Amino acid sequence: QTAEQWLEAPVDTDFKAAIATSEALLDELQQAMREPGADRRR
């Protein structure tokens, strides 16, 4: 849900923060992929 909301409006007023958020989301999503029972396709 967080990732989908961010993708709808990735930049608010802080451009650097948007890039940092993308990096943090990628890290979390990749960790979630390794969890048992993860919906890897989604």
All heavy atoms as atom14 arrays in JSON, in Angstrom:
{
  "sequence": "QTAEQWLEAPVDTDFKAAIATSEALLDELQQAMREPGADRRR",
  "atom14_mask": [
    [1, 1, 1, 1, 1, 1, 1, 1, 1, 0, 0, 0, 0, 0],
    [1, 1, 1, 1, 1, 1, 1, 0, 0, 0, 0, 0, 0, 0],
    [1, 1, 1, 1, 1, 0, 0, 0, 0, 0, 0, 0, 0, 0],
    [1, 1, 1, 1, 1, 1, 1, 1, 1, 0, 0, 0, 0, 0],
    [1, 1, 1, 1, 1, 1, 1, 1, 1, 0, 0, 0, 0, 0],
    [1, 1, 1, 1, 1, 1, 1, 1, 1, 1, 1, 1, 1, 1],
    [1, 1, 1, 1, 1, 1, 1, 1, 0, 0, 0, 0, 0, 0],
    [1, 1, 1, 1, 1, 1, 1, 1, 1, 0, 0, 0, 0, 0],
    [1, 1, 1, 1, 1, 0, 0, 0, 0, 0, 0, 0, 0, 0],
    [1, 1, 1, 1, 1, 1, 1, 0, 0, 0, 0, 0, 0, 0],
    [1, 1, 1, 1, 1, 1, 1, 0, 0, 0, 0, 0, 0, 0],
    [1, 1, 1, 1, 1, 1, 1, 1, 0, 0, 0, 0, 0, 0],
    [1, 1, 1, 1, 1, 1, 1, 0, 0, 0, 0, 0, 0, 0],
    [1, 1, 1, 1, 1, 1, 1, 1, 0, 0, 0, 0, 0, 0],
    [1, 1, 1, 1, 1, 1, 1, 1, 1, 1, 1, 0, 0, 0],
    [1, 1, 1, 1, 1, 1, 1, 1, 1, 0, 0, 0, 0, 0],
    [1, 1, 1, 1, 1, 0, 0, 0, 0, 0, 0, 0, 0, 0],
    [1, 1, 1, 1, 1, 0, 0, 0, 0, 0, 0, 0, 0, 0],
    [1, 1, 1, 1, 1, 1, 1, 1, 0, 0, 0, 0, 0, 0],
    [1, 1, 1, 1, 1, 0, 0, 0, 0, 0, 0, 0, 0, 0],
    [1, 1, 1, 1, 1, 1, 1, 0, 0, 0, 0, 0, 0, 0],
    [1, 1, 1, 1, 1, 1, 0, 0, 0, 0, 0, 0, 0, 0],
    [1, 1, 1, 1, 1, 1, 1, 1, 1, 0, 0, 0, 0, 0],
    [1, 1, 1, 1, 1, 0, 0, 0, 0, 0, 0, 0, 0, 0],
    [1, 1, 1, 1, 1, 1, 1, 1, 0, 0, 0, 0, 0, 0],
    [1, 1, 1, 1, 1, 1, 1, 1, 0, 0, 0, 0, 0, 0],
    [1, 1, 1, 1, 1, 1, 1, 1, 0, 0, 0, 0, 0, 0],
    [1, 1, 1, 1, 1, 1, 1, 1, 1, 0, 0, 0, 0, 0],
    [1, 1, 1, 1, 1, 1, 1, 1, 0, 0, 0, 0, 0, 0],
    [1, 1, 1, 1, 1, 1, 1, 1, 1, 0, 0, 0, 0, 0],
    [1, 1, 1, 1, 1, 1, 1, 1, 1, 0, 0, 0, 0, 0],
    [1, 1, 1, 1, 1, 0, 0, 0, 0, 0, 0, 0, 0, 0],
    [1, 1, 1, 1, 1, 1, 1, 1, 0, 0, 0, 0, 0, 0],
    [1, 1, 1, 1, 1, 1, 1, 1, 1, 1, 1, 0, 0, 0],
    [1, 1, 1, 1, 1, 1, 1, 1, 1, 0, 0, 0, 0, 0],
    [1, 1, 1, 1, 1, 1, 1, 0, 0, 0, 0, 0, 0, 0],
    [1, 1, 1, 1, 0, 0, 0, 0, 0, 0, 0, 0, 0, 0],
    [1, 1, 1, 1, 1, 0, 0, 0, 0, 0, 0, 0, 0, 0],
    [1, 1, 1, 1, 1, 1, 1, 1, 0, 0, 0, 0, 0, 0],
    [1, 1, 1, 1, 1, 1, 1, 1, 1, 1, 1, 0, 0, 0],
    [1, 1, 1, 1, 1, 1, 1, 1, 1, 1, 1, 0, 0, 0],
    [1, 1, 1, 1, 1, 1, 1, 1, 1, 1, 1, 0, 0, 0]
  ],
  "atom14_positions": [
    [[0.83, -1.21, 0.0], [0.0, 0.0, 0.0], [0.87, 1.26, 0.0], [0.6, 2.22, -0.73], [-0.92, -0.01, 1.22], [-1.91, 1.15, 1.24], [-2.84, 1.08, 2.44], [-2.41, 0.86, 3.56], [-4.12, 1.24, 2.18], [0.0, 0.0, 0.0], [0.0, 0.0, 0.0], [0.0, 0.0, 0.0], [0.0, 0.0, 0.0], [0.0, 0.0, 0.0]],
    [[1.92, 1.26, 0.82], [2.83, 2.41, 0.88], [3.5, 2.65, -0.47], [3.6, 3.79, -0.94], [3.9, 2.18, 1.96], [3.26, 2.06, 3.23], [4.89, 3.33, 2.0], [0.0, 0.0, 0.0], [0.0, 0.0, 0.0], [0.0, 0.0, 0.0], [0.0, 0.0, 0.0], [0.0, 0.0, 0.0], [0.0, 0.0, 0.0], [0.0, 0.0, 0.0]],
    [[3.96, 1.57, -1.1], [4.63, 1.69, -2.39], [3.68, 2.21, -3.46], [4.05, 3.09, -4.26], [5.21, 0.34, -2.81], [0.0, 0.0, 0.0], [0.0, 0.0, 0.0], [0.0, 0.0, 0.0], [0.0, 0.0, 0.0], [0.0, 0.0, 0.0], [0.0, 0.0, 0.0], [0.0, 0.0, 0.0], [0.0, 0.0, 0.0], [0.0, 0.0, 0.0]],
    [[2.46, 1.7, -3.47], [1.5, 2.15, -4.48], [1.12, 3.61, -4.28], [0.97, 4.36, -5.25], [0.25, 1.25, -4.44], [0.51, -0.15, -4.99], [-0.69, -1.06, -4.9], [-1.6, -0.76, -4.09], [-0.72, -2.08, -5.63], [0.0, 0.0, 0.0], [0.0, 0.0, 0.0], [0.0, 0.0, 0.0], [0.0, 0.0, 0.0], [0.0, 0.0, 0.0]],
    [[0.99, 4.04, -3.03], [0.69, 5.44, -2.75], [1.85, 6.34, -3.18], [1.64, 7.41, -3.75], [0.4, 5.64, -1.26], [-0.93, 5.06, -0.81], [-1.13, 5.15, 0.69], [-0.19, 5.39, 1.45], [-2.37, 4.96, 1.12], [0.0, 0.0, 0.0], [0.0, 0.0, 0.0], [0.0, 0.0, 0.0], [0.0, 0.0, 0.0], [0.0, 0.0, 0.0]],
    [[3.07, 5.89, -2.93], [4.24, 6.68, -3.34], [4.32, 6.79, -4.85], [4.63, 7.85, -5.39], [5.51, 6.06, -2.77], [6.75, 6.82, -3.16], [7.24, 7.96, -2.58], [7.64, 6.52, -4.24], [8.38, 8.37, -3.23], [8.65, 7.5, -4.25], [7.69, 5.5, -5.2], [9.69, 7.51, -5.18], [8.72, 5.51, -6.13], [9.71, 6.5, -6.11]],
    [[4.02, 5.72, -5.55], [4.09, 5.73, -7.01], [3.07, 6.7, -7.61], [3.31, 7.26, -8.68], [3.85, 4.32, -7.55], [5.03, 3.36, -7.39], [4.57, 1.92, -7.59], [6.15, 3.7, -8.38], [0.0, 0.0, 0.0], [0.0, 0.0, 0.0], [0.0, 0.0, 0.0], [0.0, 0.0, 0.0], [0.0, 0.0, 0.0], [0.0, 0.0, 0.0]],
    [[1.96, 6.92, -6.92], [0.96, 7.87, -7.43], [1.46, 9.3, -7.36], [1.12, 10.13, -8.23], [-0.33, 7.73, -6.61], [-1.1, 6.45, -6.88], [-2.35, 6.36, -6.03], [-2.64, 7.34, -5.3], [-3.03, 5.32, -6.09], [0.0, 0.0, 0.0], [0.0, 0.0, 0.0], [0.0, 0.0, 0.0], [0.0, 0.0, 0.0], [0.0, 0.0, 0.0]],
    [[2.29, 9.64, -6.37], [2.82, 11.0, -6.22], [4.19, 10.91, -5.56], [4.34, 11.14, -4.36], [1.88, 11.86, -5.38], [0.0, 0.0, 0.0], [0.0, 0.0, 0.0], [0.0, 0.0, 0.0], [0.0, 0.0, 0.0], [0.0, 0.0, 0.0], [0.0, 0.0, 0.0], [0.0, 0.0, 0.0], [0.0, 0.0, 0.0], [0.0, 0.0, 0.0]],
    [[5.21, 10.57, -6.34], [6.53, 10.32, -5.75], [7.23, 11.55, -5.19], [8.06, 11.45, -4.3], [7.33, 9.72, -6.91], [6.62, 10.15, -8.14], [5.18, 10.24, -7.77], [0.0, 0.0, 0.0], [0.0, 0.0, 0.0], [0.0, 0.0, 0.0], [0.0, 0.0, 0.0], [0.0, 0.0, 0.0], [0.0, 0.0, 0.0], [0.0, 0.0, 0.0]],
    [[6.89, 12.75, -5.72], [7.56, 13.97, -5.27], [6.54, 14.9, -4.64], [5.53, 15.23, -5.25], [8.26, 14.69, -6.44], [8.96, 15.95, -5.93], [9.26, 13.77, -7.12], [0.0, 0.0, 0.0], [0.0, 0.0, 0.0], [0.0, 0.0, 0.0], [0.0, 0.0, 0.0], [0.0, 0.0, 0.0], [0.0, 0.0, 0.0], [0.0, 0.0, 0.0]],
    [[6.81, 15.3, -3.41], [5.97, 16.31, -2.76], [6.66, 17.65, -2.96], [6.45, 18.33, -3.94], [5.79, 15.96, -1.29], [4.86, 16.91, -0.58], [4.24, 17.75, -1.26], [4.75, 16.85, 0.65], [0.0, 0.0, 0.0], [0.0, 0.0, 0.0], [0.0, 0.0, 0.0], [0.0, 0.0, 0.0], [0.0, 0.0, 0.0], [0.0, 0.0, 0.0]],
    [[7.48, 18.09, -2.02], [8.23, 19.33, -2.19], [9.73, 19.08, -2.12], [10.51, 19.91, -2.54], [7.85, 20.35, -1.1], [8.06, 19.78, 0.19], [6.4, 20.78, -1.25], [0.0, 0.0, 0.0], [0.0, 0.0, 0.0], [0.0, 0.0, 0.0], [0.0, 0.0, 0.0], [0.0, 0.0, 0.0], [0.0, 0.0, 0.0], [0.0, 0.0, 0.0]],
    [[10.14, 17.92, -1.6], [11.55, 17.62, -1.4], [11.99, 16.55, -2.38], [11.68, 15.37, -2.22], [11.77, 17.16, 0.05], [13.25, 17.07, 0.42], [14.07, 16.87, -0.5], [13.56, 17.2, 1.6], [0.0, 0.0, 0.0], [0.0, 0.0, 0.0], [0.0, 0.0, 0.0], [0.0, 0.0, 0.0], [0.0, 0.0, 0.0], [0.0, 0.0, 0.0]],
    [[12.73, 16.96, -3.41], [13.14, 16.04, -4.47], [14.12, 14.99, -3.95], [14.04, 13.82, -4.28], [13.75, 16.84, -5.62], [13.8, 16.1, -6.91], [12.68, 16.01, -7.71], [14.95, 15.48, -7.33], [12.72, 15.34, -8.91], [15.0, 14.8, -8.53], [13.88, 14.73, -9.32], [0.0, 0.0, 0.0], [0.0, 0.0, 0.0], [0.0, 0.0, 0.0]],
    [[15.07, 15.43, -3.11], [16.05, 14.5, -2.56], [15.37, 13.46, -1.68], [15.76, 12.29, -1.68], [17.12, 15.26, -1.78], [18.05, 16.11, -2.64], [19.11, 16.79, -1.81], [20.03, 17.62, -2.69], [21.06, 18.33, -1.87], [0.0, 0.0, 0.0], [0.0, 0.0, 0.0], [0.0, 0.0, 0.0], [0.0, 0.0, 0.0], [0.0, 0.0, 0.0]],
    [[14.35, 13.9, -0.96], [13.63, 12.95, -0.11], [12.91, 11.9, -0.95], [12.8, 10.73, -0.55], [12.62, 13.69, 0.77], [0.0, 0.0, 0.0], [0.0, 0.0, 0.0], [0.0, 0.0, 0.0], [0.0, 0.0, 0.0], [0.0, 0.0, 0.0], [0.0, 0.0, 0.0], [0.0, 0.0, 0.0], [0.0, 0.0, 0.0], [0.0, 0.0, 0.0]],
    [[12.43, 12.29, -2.13], [11.75, 11.34, -3.01], [12.71, 10.25, -3.47], [12.35, 9.07, -3.52], [11.16, 12.07, -4.21], [0.0, 0.0, 0.0], [0.0, 0.0, 0.0], [0.0, 0.0, 0.0], [0.0, 0.0, 0.0], [0.0, 0.0, 0.0], [0.0, 0.0, 0.0], [0.0, 0.0, 0.0], [0.0, 0.0, 0.0], [0.0, 0.0, 0.0]],
    [[13.93, 10.63, -3.81], [14.92, 9.65, -4.23], [15.28, 8.72, -3.07], [15.4, 7.5, -3.23], [16.17, 10.36, -4.78], [15.81, 11.11, -6.07], [17.3, 9.37, -5.04], [16.93, 11.94, -6.65], [0.0, 0.0, 0.0], [0.0, 0.0, 0.0], [0.0, 0.0, 0.0], [0.0, 0.0, 0.0], [0.0, 0.0, 0.0], [0.0, 0.0, 0.0]],
    [[15.44, 9.31, -1.88], [15.74, 8.49, -0.7], [14.61, 7.52, -0.4], [14.84, 6.36, -0.02], [16.01, 9.4, 0.51], [0.0, 0.0, 0.0], [0.0, 0.0, 0.0], [0.0, 0.0, 0.0], [0.0, 0.0, 0.0], [0.0, 0.0, 0.0], [0.0, 0.0, 0.0], [0.0, 0.0, 0.0], [0.0, 0.0, 0.0], [0.0, 0.0, 0.0]],
    [[13.37, 7.98, -0.58], [12.22, 7.1, -0.34], [12.22, 5.94, -1.32], [11.91, 4.8, -0.95], [10.91, 7.9, -0.47], [10.89, 8.93, 0.51], [9.7, 6.99, -0.28], [0.0, 0.0, 0.0], [0.0, 0.0, 0.0], [0.0, 0.0, 0.0], [0.0, 0.0, 0.0], [0.0, 0.0, 0.0], [0.0, 0.0, 0.0], [0.0, 0.0, 0.0]],
    [[12.56, 6.22, -2.59], [12.59, 5.14, -3.58], [13.61, 4.08, -3.2], [13.36, 2.87, -3.33], [12.9, 5.7, -4.97], [14.25, 6.12, -5.08], [0.0, 0.0, 0.0], [0.0, 0.0, 0.0], [0.0, 0.0, 0.0], [0.0, 0.0, 0.0], [0.0, 0.0, 0.0], [0.0, 0.0, 0.0], [0.0, 0.0, 0.0], [0.0, 0.0, 0.0]],
    [[14.76, 4.52, -2.68], [15.8, 3.56, -2.28], [15.34, 2.72, -1.09], [15.57, 1.51, -1.04], [17.09, 4.32, -1.95], [17.71, 5.01, -3.17], [18.85, 5.92, -2.79], [19.03, 6.19, -1.58], [19.56, 6.39, -3.7], [0.0, 0.0, 0.0], [0.0, 0.0, 0.0], [0.0, 0.0, 0.0], [0.0, 0.0, 0.0], [0.0, 0.0, 0.0]],
    [[14.68, 3.38, -0.13], [14.19, 2.65, 1.05], [13.1, 1.66, 0.67], [13.07, 0.53, 1.17], [13.67, 3.65, 2.08], [0.0, 0.0, 0.0], [0.0, 0.0, 0.0], [0.0, 0.0, 0.0], [0.0, 0.0, 0.0], [0.0, 0.0, 0.0], [0.0, 0.0, 0.0], [0.0, 0.0, 0.0], [0.0, 0.0, 0.0], [0.0, 0.0, 0.0]],
    [[12.2, 2.07, -0.23], [11.13, 1.18, -0.67], [11.7, -0.04, -1.39], [11.25, -1.18, -1.18], [10.17, 1.92, -1.58], [9.12, 2.79, -0.91], [8.36, 3.6, -1.95], [8.15, 1.95, -0.09], [0.0, 0.0, 0.0], [0.0, 0.0, 0.0], [0.0, 0.0, 0.0], [0.0, 0.0, 0.0], [0.0, 0.0, 0.0], [0.0, 0.0, 0.0]],
    [[12.68, 0.18, -2.25], [13.3, -0.94, -2.96], [13.91, -1.94, -1.99], [13.77, -3.16, -2.15], [14.35, -0.43, -3.94], [13.84, 0.15, -5.25], [14.98, 0.79, -6.04], [13.16, -0.93, -6.08], [0.0, 0.0, 0.0], [0.0, 0.0, 0.0], [0.0, 0.0, 0.0], [0.0, 0.0, 0.0], [0.0, 0.0, 0.0], [0.0, 0.0, 0.0]],
    [[14.59, -1.42, -0.98], [15.22, -2.3, 0.01], [14.16, -3.13, 0.75], [14.31, -4.36, 0.92], [16.03, -1.45, 0.99], [16.78, -2.31, 2.0], [17.61, -3.13, 1.57], [16.52, -2.18, 3.21], [0.0, 0.0, 0.0], [0.0, 0.0, 0.0], [0.0, 0.0, 0.0], [0.0, 0.0, 0.0], [0.0, 0.0, 0.0], [0.0, 0.0, 0.0]],
    [[13.08, -2.47, 1.17], [12.04, -3.18, 1.9], [11.31, -4.19, 1.01], [10.97, -5.3, 1.45], [11.03, -2.19, 2.48], [11.57, -1.37, 3.64], [10.46, -0.58, 4.33], [9.56, -1.22, 4.91], [10.49, 0.65, 4.26], [0.0, 0.0, 0.0], [0.0, 0.0, 0.0], [0.0, 0.0, 0.0], [0.0, 0.0, 0.0], [0.0, 0.0, 0.0]],
    [[11.03, -3.8, -0.23], [10.34, -4.71, -1.14], [11.19, -5.95, -1.44], [10.68, -7.07, -1.51], [9.99, -3.98, -2.45], [8.85, -2.97, -2.35], [8.83, -2.07, -3.59], [7.5, -3.67, -2.19], [0.0, 0.0, 0.0], [0.0, 0.0, 0.0], [0.0, 0.0, 0.0], [0.0, 0.0, 0.0], [0.0, 0.0, 0.0], [0.0, 0.0, 0.0]],
    [[12.49, -5.74, -1.6], [13.39, -6.87, -1.88], [13.49, -7.79, -0.66], [13.56, -9.03, -0.82], [14.75, -6.34, -2.3], [14.74, -5.75, -3.71], [15.95, -4.9, -4.02], [16.73, -4.54, -3.13], [16.12, -4.55, -5.28], [0.0, 0.0, 0.0], [0.0, 0.0, 0.0], [0.0, 0.0, 0.0], [0.0, 0.0, 0.0], [0.0, 0.0, 0.0]],
    [[13.46, -7.22, 0.54], [13.45, -8.05, 1.74], [12.14, -8.84, 1.83], [12.13, -10.02, 2.2], [13.62, -7.18, 2.98], [15.02, -6.6, 3.15], [15.16, -5.83, 4.45], [14.62, -6.24, 5.48], [15.89, -4.73, 4.41], [0.0, 0.0, 0.0], [0.0, 0.0, 0.0], [0.0, 0.0, 0.0], [0.0, 0.0, 0.0], [0.0, 0.0, 0.0]],
    [[11.03, -8.19, 1.5], [9.73, -8.85, 1.55], [9.65, -10.02, 0.58], [8.97, -11.02, 0.85], [8.62, -7.84, 1.26], [0.0, 0.0, 0.0], [0.0, 0.0, 0.0], [0.0, 0.0, 0.0], [0.0, 0.0, 0.0], [0.0, 0.0, 0.0], [0.0, 0.0, 0.0], [0.0, 0.0, 0.0], [0.0, 0.0, 0.0], [0.0, 0.0, 0.0]],
    [[10.36, -9.89, -0.55], [10.38, -10.98, -1.53], [10.96, -12.27, -0.95], [10.62, -13.37, -1.39], [11.21, -10.55, -2.76], [10.52, -9.58, -3.68], [9.42, -10.4, -4.85], [10.6, -11.05, -6.03], [0.0, 0.0, 0.0], [0.0, 0.0, 0.0], [0.0, 0.0, 0.0], [0.0, 0.0, 0.0], [0.0, 0.0, 0.0], [0.0, 0.0, 0.0]],
    [[11.84, -12.12, 0.05], [12.52, -13.29, 0.61], [11.75, -13.93, 1.76], [12.15, -14.97, 2.27], [13.92, -12.87, 1.09], [14.85, -12.43, -0.05], [16.27, -12.28, 0.44], [16.46, -11.1, 1.26], [16.77, -9.9, 0.81], [16.96, -9.71, -0.5], [16.95, -8.88, 1.63], [0.0, 0.0, 0.0], [0.0, 0.0, 0.0], [0.0, 0.0, 0.0]],
    [[10.65, -13.29, 2.15], [9.86, -13.84, 3.26], [9.04, -15.05, 2.81], [8.58, -15.1, 1.66], [8.93, -12.76, 3.82], [9.66, -11.6, 4.48], [8.71, -10.51, 4.96], [7.48, -10.68, 4.75], [9.17, -9.51, 5.53], [0.0, 0.0, 0.0], [0.0, 0.0, 0.0], [0.0, 0.0, 0.0], [0.0, 0.0, 0.0], [0.0, 0.0, 0.0]],
    [[8.85, -16.03, 3.69], [8.02, -17.2, 3.34], [6.59, -16.77, 2.99], [6.0, -15.92, 3.65], [8.03, -18.04, 4.63], [9.25, -17.59, 5.37], [9.42, -16.14, 5.05], [0.0, 0.0, 0.0], [0.0, 0.0, 0.0], [0.0, 0.0, 0.0], [0.0, 0.0, 0.0], [0.0, 0.0, 0.0], [0.0, 0.0, 0.0], [0.0, 0.0, 0.0]],
    [[6.07, -17.35, 1.94], [4.7, -17.07, 1.53], [4.52, -15.73, 0.85], [3.38, -15.28, 0.65], [0.0, 0.0, 0.0], [0.0, 0.0, 0.0], [0.0, 0.0, 0.0], [0.0, 0.0, 0.0], [0.0, 0.0, 0.0], [0.0, 0.0, 0.0], [0.0, 0.0, 0.0], [0.0, 0.0, 0.0], [0.0, 0.0, 0.0], [0.0, 0.0, 0.0]],
    [[5.61, -15.07, 0.48], [5.51, -13.76, -0.16], [4.83, -13.86, -1.52], [5.02, -14.85, -2.25], [6.9, -13.15, -0.32], [0.0, 0.0, 0.0], [0.0, 0.0, 0.0], [0.0, 0.0, 0.0], [0.0, 0.0, 0.0], [0.0, 0.0, 0.0], [0.0, 0.0, 0.0], [0.0, 0.0, 0.0], [0.0, 0.0, 0.0], [0.0, 0.0, 0.0]],
    [[4.05, -12.85, -1.85], [3.42, -12.78, -3.18], [4.47, -12.19, -4.14], [4.49, -10.99, -4.43], [2.17, -11.88, -3.12], [1.4, -11.87, -4.43], [1.95, -12.33, -5.45], [0.25, -11.38, -4.44], [0.0, 0.0, 0.0], [0.0, 0.0, 0.0], [0.0, 0.0, 0.0], [0.0, 0.0, 0.0], [0.0, 0.0, 0.0], [0.0, 0.0, 0.0]],
    [[5.36, -13.05, -4.61], [6.52, -12.57, -5.37], [6.12, -11.92, -6.69], [6.8, -11.02, -7.17], [7.49, -13.73, -5.59], [8.18, -14.17, -4.32], [9.17, -15.31, -4.56], [9.92, -15.62, -3.35], [9.45, -16.37, -2.35], [8.24, -16.9, -2.45], [10.19, -16.6, -1.29], [0.0, 0.0, 0.0], [0.0, 0.0, 0.0], [0.0, 0.0, 0.0]],
    [[5.04, -12.39, -7.26], [4.61, -11.79, -8.53], [4.21, -10.32, -8.33], [4.63, -9.46, -9.09], [3.44, -12.58, -9.11], [2.96, -12.07, -10.45], [1.9, -12.99, -11.03], [1.43, -12.52, -12.33], [0.52, -13.14, -13.05], [-0.01, -14.28, -12.61], [0.14, -12.66, -14.22], [0.0, 0.0, 0.0], [0.0, 0.0, 0.0], [0.0, 0.0, 0.0]],
    [[3.43, -10.07, -7.29], [2.99, -8.71, -7.03], [4.16, -7.84, -6.58], [4.31, -6.69, -7.03], [1.9, -8.71, -5.96], [1.25, -7.33, -5.76], [0.11, -7.42, -4.77], [-0.61, -6.16, -4.69], [-1.59, -5.91, -3.82], [-1.98, -6.86, -2.97], [-2.19, -4.74, -3.8], [0.0, 0.0, 0.0], [0.0, 0.0, 0.0], [0.0, 0.0, 0.0]]
  ]
}
